[in-house]
Structures are given as C-alpha cells and as structure tokens.
Amino acid sequence: MAAQTPQTILIIEDDPVIRGILHMNLTDQGYDVLSAEDGLQGVRTAKETQPGIILMDIRLPNITGWEATRRLKVEPKTAQIPIIALTAQSTSKDLHRCFESGCDAFMTKPIQFTQLFTKIEMLLNRSLDHSQGIAE
C-alpha cells in the first residue's frame, strides 16, 4: 500500500558507496531520501527535517550510531521516528545493544533490500497508526 505523499528516509552512513546504493534503491521505490555522513550531522539533520524513518549505520565518525540513536530518542521532536540499525556486526550482544539504545529494528550488512523494504513499510505504517491514534 503506497502512501499518498512520499515518505522521507534519512540515511546516516559514512561509506559513500553504501550510502549511494541505499539512496538509489530507496528512490527507485518512491521514497524521498536525505543523507548524512556522520553521527552528529545525522542527529542535526533528523532534528531539522523530522524524516519518516532513519537508517542508522552503527560505526560512524564523531559519535557512534548507538549514541546518535540515544540522542534522537530523548529529544521530543525526534523520539517517535523509527530507526533501523544497519551494521556488519550480528552477535546477540549487538542485537541487545541495538534495542537498548532505542533502535526499532536491526539489519545486517550486506543489505537484503526486500527485507529492508518490508521493515521500512512495517515501521512507517506503525508510525502512521500511532500518530493517527493520538490525533483521534
């Protein structure tokens, strides 16, 4: 089910190749895409634009994806934005840390785009349902 207006996705990823691949695949699916190259820039961009969802690399310059997620989840303007952690680390400790920091979902690299699109739609729909529930 496609949304009436394009959803904006913020990619916070320091690797330009991965960022470009994500951007291309997401725009091909009809999303508006913003990007940031490090954790601090990502937090700033999220606060300024309030995207529909954030794809968060974990190993980032300046501050880690874990720290960026914590900062966004305590900020009232960004606390409800779903965050999907993207990482090459896939141990149970990493998964625990993902949810402990406030991420809503977890994906390992290399990215399986069919799974990513499913998670994005699930989280966007959940966010939409939550915001409509508050308005009613």
N, C-alpha and C. Protein backbone atom coordinates (compact mmCIF):
# COMPACT_ATOMS: atom_id res chain seq x y z
N MET A 1 0.84 -1.18 0.00
CA MET A 1 0.00 0.00 0.00
C MET A 1 0.89 1.23 0.00
N ALA A 2 0.82 2.05 -1.02
CA ALA A 2 1.65 3.24 -1.13
C ALA A 2 1.01 4.40 -0.40
N ALA A 3 1.85 5.21 0.20
CA ALA A 3 1.35 6.39 0.91
C ALA A 3 0.93 7.44 -0.10
N GLN A 4 0.05 8.37 0.33
CA GLN A 4 -0.41 9.45 -0.53
C GLN A 4 0.74 10.38 -0.90
N THR A 5 1.62 10.65 0.05
CA THR A 5 2.77 11.50 -0.20
C THR A 5 4.02 10.68 0.03
N PRO A 6 5.10 11.02 -0.67
CA PRO A 6 6.33 10.24 -0.48
C PRO A 6 6.84 10.36 0.95
N GLN A 7 7.31 9.27 1.48
CA GLN A 7 7.91 9.27 2.81
C GLN A 7 9.38 9.65 2.68
N THR A 8 9.87 10.38 3.66
CA THR A 8 11.27 10.77 3.67
C THR A 8 12.05 9.82 4.55
N ILE A 9 13.16 9.34 4.02
CA ILE A 9 14.05 8.45 4.76
C ILE A 9 15.41 9.14 4.87
N LEU A 10 15.94 9.18 6.08
CA LEU A 10 17.26 9.73 6.33
C LEU A 10 18.24 8.57 6.46
N ILE A 11 19.27 8.58 5.61
CA ILE A 11 20.35 7.59 5.68
C ILE A 11 21.51 8.22 6.43
N ILE A 12 21.93 7.62 7.53
CA ILE A 12 23.12 8.09 8.25
C ILE A 12 24.17 6.99 8.07
N GLU A 13 25.08 7.24 7.14
CA GLU A 13 26.06 6.23 6.71
C GLU A 13 27.32 6.94 6.24
N ASP A 14 28.48 6.54 6.77
CA ASP A 14 29.72 7.21 6.39
C ASP A 14 30.34 6.67 5.11
N ASP A 15 30.02 5.46 4.71
CA ASP A 15 30.59 4.88 3.49
C ASP A 15 29.82 5.41 2.27
N PRO A 16 30.50 6.18 1.39
CA PRO A 16 29.78 6.77 0.26
C PRO A 16 29.21 5.74 -0.71
N VAL A 17 29.83 4.59 -0.84
CA VAL A 17 29.32 3.55 -1.74
C VAL A 17 28.02 2.98 -1.19
N ILE A 18 28.03 2.61 0.08
CA ILE A 18 26.82 2.07 0.70
C ILE A 18 25.71 3.11 0.70
N ARG A 19 26.06 4.36 1.04
CA ARG A 19 25.09 5.45 1.05
C ARG A 19 24.46 5.60 -0.35
N GLY A 20 25.29 5.55 -1.39
CA GLY A 20 24.79 5.68 -2.76
C GLY A 20 23.87 4.53 -3.16
N ILE A 21 24.24 3.32 -2.79
CA ILE A 21 23.41 2.15 -3.11
C ILE A 21 22.06 2.24 -2.39
N LEU A 22 22.09 2.61 -1.11
CA LEU A 22 20.84 2.78 -0.37
C LEU A 22 19.98 3.87 -1.01
N HIS A 23 20.60 5.00 -1.32
CA HIS A 23 19.88 6.12 -1.92
C HIS A 23 19.20 5.70 -3.22
N MET A 24 19.94 5.04 -4.10
CA MET A 24 19.40 4.61 -5.39
C MET A 24 18.22 3.65 -5.21
N ASN A 25 18.38 2.65 -4.35
CA ASN A 25 17.32 1.67 -4.15
C ASN A 25 16.08 2.28 -3.51
N LEU A 26 16.28 3.19 -2.58
CA LEU A 26 15.14 3.83 -1.91
C LEU A 26 14.41 4.80 -2.83
N THR A 27 15.14 5.58 -3.62
CA THR A 27 14.47 6.49 -4.55
C THR A 27 13.73 5.70 -5.63
N ASP A 28 14.29 4.56 -6.03
CA ASP A 28 13.60 3.70 -7.01
C ASP A 28 12.27 3.20 -6.46
N GLN A 29 12.16 3.10 -5.15
CA GLN A 29 10.92 2.66 -4.51
C GLN A 29 9.96 3.82 -4.23
N GLY A 30 10.38 5.03 -4.60
CA GLY A 30 9.49 6.19 -4.45
C GLY A 30 9.68 7.01 -3.19
N TYR A 31 10.69 6.70 -2.41
CA TYR A 31 10.94 7.47 -1.19
C TYR A 31 11.75 8.73 -1.51
N ASP A 32 11.53 9.78 -0.73
CA ASP A 32 12.42 10.93 -0.72
C ASP A 32 13.55 10.57 0.22
N VAL A 33 14.78 10.85 -0.18
CA VAL A 33 15.94 10.40 0.60
C VAL A 33 16.84 11.57 0.95
N LEU A 34 17.21 11.65 2.22
CA LEU A 34 18.21 12.58 2.73
C LEU A 34 19.37 11.74 3.23
N SER A 35 20.55 12.35 3.35
CA SER A 35 21.66 11.58 3.89
C SER A 35 22.57 12.45 4.74
N ALA A 36 23.28 11.75 5.62
CA ALA A 36 24.28 12.37 6.49
C ALA A 36 25.47 11.43 6.55
N GLU A 37 26.68 12.01 6.66
CA GLU A 37 27.91 11.22 6.62
C GLU A 37 28.46 10.83 7.98
N ASP A 38 27.95 11.42 9.05
CA ASP A 38 28.43 11.05 10.38
C ASP A 38 27.30 11.21 11.39
N GLY A 39 27.55 10.75 12.62
CA GLY A 39 26.51 10.76 13.64
C GLY A 39 26.01 12.13 14.02
N LEU A 40 26.91 13.09 14.18
CA LEU A 40 26.50 14.45 14.56
C LEU A 40 25.66 15.11 13.47
N GLN A 41 26.11 14.98 12.22
CA GLN A 41 25.36 15.53 11.10
C GLN A 41 23.99 14.85 11.00
N GLY A 42 23.95 13.54 11.25
CA GLY A 42 22.69 12.81 11.21
C GLY A 42 21.70 13.28 12.25
N VAL A 43 22.17 13.49 13.48
CA VAL A 43 21.29 13.98 14.55
C VAL A 43 20.75 15.36 14.18
N ARG A 44 21.63 16.22 13.70
CA ARG A 44 21.23 17.58 13.31
C ARG A 44 20.20 17.54 12.18
N THR A 45 20.46 16.73 11.16
CA THR A 45 19.54 16.62 10.02
C THR A 45 18.19 16.07 10.46
N ALA A 46 18.19 15.07 11.32
CA ALA A 46 16.93 14.49 11.81
C ALA A 46 16.12 15.53 12.58
N LYS A 47 16.77 16.33 13.41
CA LYS A 47 16.06 17.36 14.17
C LYS A 47 15.47 18.42 13.25
N GLU A 48 16.21 18.77 12.20
CA GLU A 48 15.76 19.81 11.26
C GLU A 48 14.66 19.33 10.34
N THR A 49 14.71 18.09 9.89
CA THR A 49 13.79 17.62 8.85
C THR A 49 12.70 16.67 9.35
N GLN A 50 12.91 16.03 10.49
CA GLN A 50 11.98 15.04 11.04
C GLN A 50 11.51 14.04 9.98
N PRO A 51 12.44 13.21 9.49
CA PRO A 51 12.08 12.23 8.45
C PRO A 51 11.11 11.18 8.98
N GLY A 52 10.53 10.43 8.06
CA GLY A 52 9.61 9.36 8.44
C GLY A 52 10.31 8.18 9.08
N ILE A 53 11.57 7.96 8.69
CA ILE A 53 12.34 6.84 9.22
C ILE A 53 13.83 7.14 9.05
N ILE A 54 14.65 6.52 9.87
CA ILE A 54 16.10 6.71 9.80
C ILE A 54 16.77 5.35 9.65
N LEU A 55 17.70 5.27 8.69
CA LEU A 55 18.57 4.10 8.55
C LEU A 55 19.91 4.50 9.15
N MET A 56 20.31 3.86 10.24
CA MET A 56 21.45 4.28 11.04
C MET A 56 22.59 3.26 10.99
N ASP A 57 23.70 3.67 10.35
CA ASP A 57 24.91 2.87 10.45
C ASP A 57 25.37 2.94 11.91
N ILE A 58 26.04 1.93 12.38
CA ILE A 58 26.48 1.92 13.78
C ILE A 58 27.89 2.46 13.94
N ARG A 59 28.77 2.10 13.05
CA ARG A 59 30.15 2.60 13.12
C ARG A 59 30.26 3.88 12.31
N LEU A 60 30.17 5.01 13.02
CA LEU A 60 30.19 6.32 12.39
C LEU A 60 31.27 7.20 12.99
N PRO A 61 31.77 8.16 12.22
CA PRO A 61 32.70 9.15 12.79
C PRO A 61 31.97 10.10 13.75
N ASN A 62 32.73 10.73 14.60
CA ASN A 62 32.27 11.71 15.60
C ASN A 62 31.52 11.07 16.76
N ILE A 63 30.33 10.56 16.50
CA ILE A 63 29.63 9.77 17.52
C ILE A 63 29.10 8.51 16.84
N THR A 64 29.01 7.43 17.60
CA THR A 64 28.54 6.17 17.03
C THR A 64 27.05 6.22 16.72
N GLY A 65 26.60 5.27 15.95
CA GLY A 65 25.17 5.15 15.70
C GLY A 65 24.38 4.89 16.96
N TRP A 66 24.99 4.17 17.91
CA TRP A 66 24.30 3.93 19.20
C TRP A 66 24.05 5.26 19.90
N GLU A 67 25.10 6.10 19.97
CA GLU A 67 24.97 7.39 20.65
C GLU A 67 24.02 8.31 19.90
N ALA A 68 24.10 8.34 18.58
CA ALA A 68 23.18 9.17 17.79
C ALA A 68 21.73 8.74 18.04
N THR A 69 21.50 7.43 18.09
CA THR A 69 20.15 6.92 18.36
C THR A 69 19.68 7.36 19.74
N ARG A 70 20.53 7.21 20.75
CA ARG A 70 20.15 7.64 22.11
C ARG A 70 19.77 9.12 22.13
N ARG A 71 20.56 9.95 21.46
CA ARG A 71 20.28 11.39 21.42
C ARG A 71 18.95 11.69 20.74
N LEU A 72 18.66 10.99 19.67
CA LEU A 72 17.39 11.21 18.97
C LEU A 72 16.19 10.73 19.77
N LYS A 73 16.35 9.63 20.49
CA LYS A 73 15.22 9.06 21.22
C LYS A 73 14.88 9.85 22.50
N VAL A 74 15.78 10.69 22.99
CA VAL A 74 15.44 11.51 24.16
C VAL A 74 14.93 12.90 23.77
N GLU A 75 15.06 13.24 22.51
CA GLU A 75 14.61 14.55 22.01
C GLU A 75 13.13 14.45 21.62
N PRO A 76 12.25 15.25 22.23
CA PRO A 76 10.82 15.14 21.92
C PRO A 76 10.47 15.23 20.43
N LYS A 77 11.17 16.06 19.66
CA LYS A 77 10.88 16.22 18.24
C LYS A 77 11.23 14.99 17.42
N THR A 78 12.14 14.14 17.91
CA THR A 78 12.61 13.01 17.11
C THR A 78 12.38 11.65 17.78
N ALA A 79 11.86 11.64 18.98
CA ALA A 79 11.74 10.40 19.75
C ALA A 79 10.88 9.34 19.06
N GLN A 80 9.87 9.76 18.30
CA GLN A 80 8.96 8.79 17.67
C GLN A 80 9.40 8.34 16.28
N ILE A 81 10.51 8.88 15.77
CA ILE A 81 10.98 8.47 14.44
C ILE A 81 11.57 7.06 14.53
N PRO A 82 11.06 6.11 13.76
CA PRO A 82 11.62 4.76 13.77
C PRO A 82 13.06 4.77 13.24
N ILE A 83 13.92 3.98 13.88
CA ILE A 83 15.31 3.88 13.48
C ILE A 83 15.65 2.41 13.23
N ILE A 84 16.21 2.14 12.05
CA ILE A 84 16.69 0.80 11.72
C ILE A 84 18.22 0.85 11.76
N ALA A 85 18.80 0.04 12.63
CA ALA A 85 20.26 -0.05 12.72
C ALA A 85 20.78 -0.88 11.55
N LEU A 86 21.83 -0.38 10.91
CA LEU A 86 22.49 -1.12 9.83
C LEU A 86 23.92 -1.39 10.26
N THR A 87 24.29 -2.66 10.34
CA THR A 87 25.62 -2.98 10.82
C THR A 87 26.12 -4.31 10.26
N ALA A 88 27.42 -4.44 10.21
CA ALA A 88 28.03 -5.71 9.82
C ALA A 88 28.15 -6.63 11.04
N GLN A 89 27.97 -6.08 12.23
CA GLN A 89 28.05 -6.84 13.47
C GLN A 89 26.71 -7.53 13.72
N SER A 90 26.73 -8.83 13.98
CA SER A 90 25.45 -9.53 14.12
C SER A 90 25.41 -10.50 15.30
N THR A 91 26.14 -10.21 16.35
CA THR A 91 26.09 -11.08 17.52
C THR A 91 24.84 -10.75 18.35
N SER A 92 24.49 -11.63 19.27
CA SER A 92 23.34 -11.36 20.13
C SER A 92 23.61 -10.13 21.00
N LYS A 93 24.87 -9.90 21.37
CA LYS A 93 25.23 -8.71 22.14
C LYS A 93 24.93 -7.44 21.33
N ASP A 94 25.24 -7.47 20.03
CA ASP A 94 24.96 -6.32 19.16
C ASP A 94 23.45 -6.10 19.04
N LEU A 95 22.70 -7.18 18.90
CA LEU A 95 21.25 -7.07 18.80
C LEU A 95 20.68 -6.46 20.08
N HIS A 96 21.15 -6.93 21.22
CA HIS A 96 20.70 -6.38 22.50
C HIS A 96 21.03 -4.89 22.59
N ARG A 97 22.25 -4.53 22.20
CA ARG A 97 22.68 -3.13 22.24
C ARG A 97 21.84 -2.27 21.31
N CYS A 98 21.45 -2.82 20.18
CA CYS A 98 20.60 -2.13 19.21
C CYS A 98 19.31 -1.66 19.87
N PHE A 99 18.63 -2.58 20.53
CA PHE A 99 17.35 -2.24 21.14
C PHE A 99 17.52 -1.43 22.42
N GLU A 100 18.60 -1.67 23.13
CA GLU A 100 18.90 -0.91 24.34
C GLU A 100 19.11 0.58 24.03
N SER A 101 19.72 0.87 22.89
CA SER A 101 19.97 2.26 22.52
C SER A 101 18.71 2.96 21.98
N GLY A 102 17.70 2.18 21.61
CA GLY A 102 16.45 2.77 21.14
C GLY A 102 16.08 2.45 19.71
N CYS A 103 16.89 1.65 19.01
CA CYS A 103 16.56 1.29 17.63
C CYS A 103 15.27 0.47 17.61
N ASP A 104 14.54 0.61 16.53
CA ASP A 104 13.28 -0.11 16.38
C ASP A 104 13.44 -1.41 15.60
N ALA A 105 14.52 -1.52 14.83
CA ALA A 105 14.79 -2.72 14.05
C ALA A 105 16.28 -2.79 13.78
N PHE A 106 16.70 -3.93 13.24
CA PHE A 106 18.12 -4.25 13.08
C PHE A 106 18.29 -4.97 11.75
N MET A 107 19.25 -4.54 10.95
CA MET A 107 19.57 -5.23 9.69
C MET A 107 21.07 -5.39 9.59
N THR A 108 21.51 -6.57 9.16
CA THR A 108 22.94 -6.77 8.97
C THR A 108 23.32 -6.48 7.52
N LYS A 109 24.55 -6.03 7.36
CA LYS A 109 25.12 -5.81 6.02
C LYS A 109 25.78 -7.10 5.59
N PRO A 110 25.76 -7.42 4.30
CA PRO A 110 25.17 -6.64 3.22
C PRO A 110 23.64 -6.64 3.29
N ILE A 111 23.08 -5.53 2.88
CA ILE A 111 21.63 -5.31 2.99
C ILE A 111 20.87 -6.19 1.99
N GLN A 112 19.86 -6.86 2.48
CA GLN A 112 18.91 -7.58 1.64
C GLN A 112 17.74 -6.62 1.43
N PHE A 113 17.63 -6.04 0.25
CA PHE A 113 16.69 -4.95 0.04
C PHE A 113 15.23 -5.35 0.18
N THR A 114 14.88 -6.57 -0.18
CA THR A 114 13.49 -7.00 0.01
C THR A 114 13.12 -6.95 1.49
N GLN A 115 14.02 -7.44 2.35
CA GLN A 115 13.78 -7.40 3.79
C GLN A 115 13.77 -5.96 4.31
N LEU A 116 14.69 -5.14 3.79
CA LEU A 116 14.73 -3.74 4.23
C LEU A 116 13.43 -3.02 3.89
N PHE A 117 12.94 -3.19 2.66
CA PHE A 117 11.70 -2.52 2.27
C PHE A 117 10.52 -3.00 3.12
N THR A 118 10.49 -4.27 3.47
CA THR A 118 9.44 -4.80 4.33
C THR A 118 9.50 -4.15 5.71
N LYS A 119 10.69 -4.05 6.28
CA LYS A 119 10.85 -3.41 7.60
C LYS A 119 10.48 -1.94 7.55
N ILE A 120 10.90 -1.26 6.50
CA ILE A 120 10.56 0.17 6.36
C ILE A 120 9.05 0.36 6.32
N GLU A 121 8.37 -0.40 5.49
CA GLU A 121 6.91 -0.26 5.39
C GLU A 121 6.22 -0.60 6.71
N MET A 122 6.68 -1.65 7.38
CA MET A 122 6.10 -2.02 8.66
C MET A 122 6.25 -0.88 9.67
N LEU A 123 7.45 -0.30 9.76
CA LEU A 123 7.70 0.77 10.72
C LEU A 123 6.97 2.05 10.34
N LEU A 124 6.91 2.38 9.07
CA LEU A 124 6.18 3.57 8.64
C LEU A 124 4.69 3.42 8.93
N ASN A 125 4.14 2.25 8.66
CA ASN A 125 2.72 2.01 8.95
C ASN A 125 2.45 2.07 10.45
N ARG A 126 3.36 1.51 11.25
CA ARG A 126 3.21 1.56 12.70
C ARG A 126 3.24 3.01 13.18
N SER A 127 4.16 3.82 12.63
CA SER A 127 4.24 5.22 13.00
C SER A 127 2.98 5.97 12.61
N LEU A 128 2.46 5.69 11.41
CA LEU A 128 1.24 6.32 10.94
C LEU A 128 0.07 5.95 11.84
N ASP A 129 -0.05 4.66 12.18
CA ASP A 129 -1.12 4.22 13.08
C ASP A 129 -1.02 4.90 14.42
N HIS A 130 0.21 5.03 14.94
CA HIS A 130 0.44 5.66 16.25
C HIS A 130 0.04 7.14 16.20
N SER A 131 0.44 7.85 15.16
CA SER A 131 0.13 9.28 15.08
C SER A 131 -1.36 9.50 14.87
N GLN A 132 -2.03 8.64 14.12
CA GLN A 132 -3.46 8.77 13.93
C GLN A 132 -4.21 8.45 15.22
N GLY A 133 -3.69 7.50 15.98
CA GLY A 133 -4.29 7.17 17.27
C GLY A 133 -4.23 8.32 18.24
N ILE A 134 -3.16 9.08 18.21
CA ILE A 134 -3.00 10.23 19.08
C ILE A 134 -3.96 11.34 18.66
N ALA A 135 -4.15 11.51 17.34
CA ALA A 135 -5.00 12.58 16.84
C ALA A 135 -6.47 12.32 17.09
N GLU A 136 -6.85 11.06 17.22
CA GLU A 136 -8.28 10.71 17.38
C GLU A 136 -8.78 10.91 18.79
